[in-house]
C-alpha atoms as a PDB file:
ATOM      1  CA  MET A   1     -10.368  19.313 -10.756  1.00  0.00           C
ATOM      2  CA  ILE A   2      -9.542  15.403 -10.446  1.00  0.00           C
ATOM      3  CA  ILE A   3      -7.545  13.951  -7.754  1.00  0.00           C
ATOM      4  CA  GLN A   4      -6.055  10.477  -8.186  1.00  0.00           C
ATOM      5  CA  TYR A   5      -5.966   8.472  -5.002  1.00  0.00           C
ATOM      6  CA  THR A   6      -3.556   5.209  -4.931  1.00  0.00           C
ATOM      7  CA  LEU A   7      -3.765   2.353  -2.345  1.00  0.00           C
ATOM      8  CA  THR A   8      -0.576   0.730  -1.191  1.00  0.00           C
ATOM      9  CA  MET A   9      -0.028  -1.606   1.985  1.00  0.00           C
ATOM     10  CA  PRO A  10       3.468  -0.688   3.240  1.00  0.00           C
ATOM     11  CA  GLY A  11       2.609  -2.474   6.501  1.00  0.00           C
ATOM     12  CA  LYS A  12       2.007  -6.071   5.803  1.00  0.00           C
ATOM     13  CA  GLY A  13       1.122  -8.719   8.685  1.00  0.00           C
ATOM     14  CA  SER A  14       1.052 -11.676   6.654  1.00  0.00           C
ATOM     15  CA  TRP A  15       3.432 -14.523   7.383  1.00  0.00           C
ATOM     16  CA  ASP A  16       5.587 -13.880   4.402  1.00  0.00           C
ATOM     17  CA  GLY A  17       5.572 -10.114   4.526  1.00  0.00           C
ATOM     18  CA  LYS A  18       3.660  -9.711   1.021  1.00  0.00           C
ATOM     19  CA  TRP A  19       0.576  -8.301  -0.206  1.00  0.00           C
ATOM     20  CA  THR A  20      -1.164 -10.092  -2.753  1.00  0.00           C
ATOM     21  CA  GLY A  21      -1.756  -6.702  -4.780  1.00  0.00           C
ATOM     22  CA  GLU A  22       1.788  -5.807  -4.429  1.00  0.00           C
ATOM     23  CA  GLY A  23       3.168  -4.277  -7.891  1.00  0.00           C
ATOM     24  CA  GLU A  24      -0.346  -3.623  -9.051  1.00  0.00           C
ATOM     25  CA  LEU A  25      -2.010  -0.518  -9.627  1.00  0.00           C
ATOM     26  CA  TYR A  26      -4.915   0.379  -7.016  1.00  0.00           C
ATOM     27  CA  ALA A  27      -6.274   3.985  -7.855  1.00  0.00           C
ATOM     28  CA  ARG A  28      -9.241   5.929  -8.304  1.00  0.00           C
ATOM     29  CA  CYS A  29     -10.053   9.162  -9.580  1.00  0.00           C
ATOM     30  CA  ARG A  30     -12.543  11.531  -8.517  1.00  0.00           C
ATOM     31  CA  HIS A  31     -14.106  14.967  -9.607  1.00  0.00           C
ATOM     32  CA  TYR A  32     -13.969  17.765  -7.443  1.00  0.00           C
ATOM     33  CA  THR A  33     -14.395  21.768  -7.234  1.00  0.00           C
ATOM     34  CA  LYS A  34     -11.521  23.717  -6.960  1.00  0.00           C
ATOM     35  CA  VAL A  35     -12.889  24.493  -3.234  1.00  0.00           C
ATOM     36  CA  GLU A  36     -13.196  20.990  -2.625  1.00  0.00           C
ATOM     37  CA  THR A  37      -9.698  19.995  -4.048  1.00  0.00           C
ATOM     38  CA  ASP A  38      -8.260  22.919  -1.672  1.00  0.00           C
ATOM     39  CA  LYS A  39      -9.781  21.567   1.334  1.00  0.00           C
ATOM     40  CA  ILE A  40      -8.715  17.777   0.601  1.00  0.00           C
ATOM     41  CA  MET A  41      -5.418  18.685  -0.395  1.00  0.00           C
ATOM     42  CA  GLU A  42      -4.734  21.211   2.145  1.00  0.00           C
ATOM     43  CA  GLY A  43      -3.598  23.672  -0.905  1.00  0.00           C
ATOM     44  CA  LYS A  44      -0.996  21.024  -2.081  1.00  0.00           C
ATOM     45  CA  PRO A  45      -0.348  18.968  -5.201  1.00  0.00           C
ATOM     46  CA  SER A  46       0.083  16.085  -3.390  1.00  0.00           C
ATOM     47  CA  GLU A  47      -0.758  14.370   0.046  1.00  0.00           C
ATOM     48  CA  SER A  48      -0.984  10.871   1.591  1.00  0.00           C
ATOM     49  CA  TRP A  49      -2.909   9.507   4.744  1.00  0.00           C
ATOM     50  CA  HIS A  50      -2.012   6.298   6.560  1.00  0.00           C
ATOM     51  CA  TYR A  51      -4.407   3.650   8.464  1.00  0.00           C
ATOM     52  CA  ARG A  52      -2.969   0.906  10.817  1.00  0.00           C
ATOM     53  CA  TRP A  53      -4.876  -1.976  11.845  1.00  0.00           C
ATOM     54  CA  ASP A  54      -4.658  -3.805  14.819  1.00  0.00           C
ATOM     55  CA  ASP A  55      -2.999  -7.386  13.311  1.00  0.00           C
ATOM     56  CA  GLY A  56      -0.051  -5.420  11.803  1.00  0.00           C
ATOM     57  CA  TRP A  57      -1.423  -4.367   8.554  1.00  0.00           C
ATOM     58  CA  ALA A  58      -0.921  -0.702   7.415  1.00  0.00           C
ATOM     59  CA  ALA A  59      -2.550   1.056   4.176  1.00  0.00           C
ATOM     60  CA  GLN A  60      -1.534   4.508   2.598  1.00  0.00           C
ATOM     61  CA  VAL A  61      -3.628   6.598   0.503  1.00  0.00           C
ATOM     62  CA  SER A  62      -1.596   8.916  -1.588  1.00  0.00           C
ATOM     63  CA  ALA A  63      -3.617  11.846  -3.654  1.00  0.00           C
ATOM     64  CA  LEU A  64      -1.996  14.026  -6.804  1.00  0.00           C
ATOM     65  CA  VAL A  65      -3.931  16.645  -8.548  1.00  0.00           C
ATOM     66  CA  ILE A  66      -3.818  15.429 -11.992  1.00  0.00           C
ATOM     67  CA  ASP A  67      -5.221  16.315 -15.606  1.00  0.00           C
ATOM     68  CA  ALA A  68      -8.299  14.413 -17.417  1.00  0.00           C
ATOM     69  CA  LYS A  69      -5.762  12.802 -19.769  1.00  0.00           C
ATOM     70  CA  LYS A  70      -3.588  11.154 -16.788  1.00  0.00           C
ATOM     71  CA  ALA A  71      -7.144  10.226 -15.271  1.00  0.00           C
ATOM     72  CA  ALA A  72      -7.905   8.187 -18.212  1.00  0.00           C
ATOM     73  CA  PHE A  73      -4.978   6.156 -18.440  1.00  0.00           C
ATOM     74  CA  ILE A  74      -5.516   5.394 -14.514  1.00  0.00           C
ATOM     75  CA  ARG A  75      -8.942   4.467 -15.021  1.00  0.00           C
ATOM     76  CA  LYS A  76      -8.214   2.204 -17.631  1.00  0.00           C
ATOM     77  CA  HIS A  77      -5.203   0.572 -15.881  1.00  0.00           C
ATOM     78  CA  SER A  78      -6.420   0.542 -12.203  1.00  0.00           C
ATOM     79  CA  LEU A  79      -7.339  -2.531 -10.812  1.00  0.00           C
ATOM     80  CA  GLY A  80     -10.079  -0.901  -8.620  1.00  0.00           C
ATOM     81  CA  PHE A  81      -9.322   0.089  -4.901  1.00  0.00           C
ATOM     82  CA  TRP A  82      -9.360  -3.153  -3.030  1.00  0.00           C
ATOM     83  CA  GLY A  83     -12.330  -2.619  -1.755  1.00  0.00           C
ATOM     84  CA  TYR A  84     -11.127   0.556   0.464  1.00  0.00           C
ATOM     85  CA  ASP A  85     -13.133   2.963  -1.106  1.00  0.00           C
ATOM     86  CA  TRP A  86     -14.108   3.656   2.288  1.00  0.00           C
ATOM     87  CA  MET A  87     -10.872   4.956   3.125  1.00  0.00           C
ATOM     88  CA  ILE A  88     -11.340   8.061   0.121  1.00  0.00           C
ATOM     89  CA  ASP A  89     -15.112   8.559   1.617  1.00  0.00           C
ATOM     90  CA  SER A  90     -13.462   9.314   5.034  1.00  0.00           C
ATOM     91  CA  ILE A  91     -10.723  11.597   3.743  1.00  0.00           C
ATOM     92  CA  GLU A  92     -13.357  13.518   1.996  1.00  0.00           C
ATOM     93  CA  LYS A  93     -15.784  13.321   4.956  1.00  0.00           C
ATOM     94  CA  HIS A  94     -13.024  13.817   7.629  1.00  0.00           C
ATOM     95  CA  GLY A  95      -9.810  14.718   6.691  1.00  0.00           C
ATOM     96  CA  LYS A  96      -8.352  11.481   7.642  1.00  0.00           C
ATOM     97  CA  ILE A  97      -8.738   7.811   7.266  1.00  0.00           C
ATOM     98  CA  ILE A  98     -11.128   6.566  10.400  1.00  0.00           C
ATOM     99  CA  ILE A  99     -13.495   4.032  10.453  1.00  0.00           C
ATOM    100  CA  GLU A 100     -17.202   5.314  11.750  1.00  0.00           C
ATOM    101  CA  ALA A 101     -16.937   3.696  14.713  1.00  0.00           C
ATOM    102  CA  GLU A 102     -14.101   6.173  15.636  1.00  0.00           C
ATOM    103  CA  VAL A 103     -15.912   9.400  14.924  1.00  0.00           C
ATOM    104  CA  ILE A 104     -16.392  11.246  18.210  1.00  0.00           C
ATOM    105  CA  LEU A 105     -19.988  12.675  18.415  1.00  0.00           C
END
């Protein structure tokens, strides 16, 4: 199964209230087993997670289960994930977006 992750910045802490990547597609597609997909998506066809920094910026990662044809389109048109692939890794590992320093041992 394939999950498409899409990054947006709904909270913009910039002086002009804009994000340089606004209006562009920042997405990643990752392959999973059905069990992994069900765990990440909590059995839903779509899901989203938020992360807020102290400086007013906020990110949203939306996820959608897609087919191979849609994944090929996304891979062709995406501009990457703006360096925030660690957010997907965190969702896979913790079920939410957290930085490793926030992990309670």
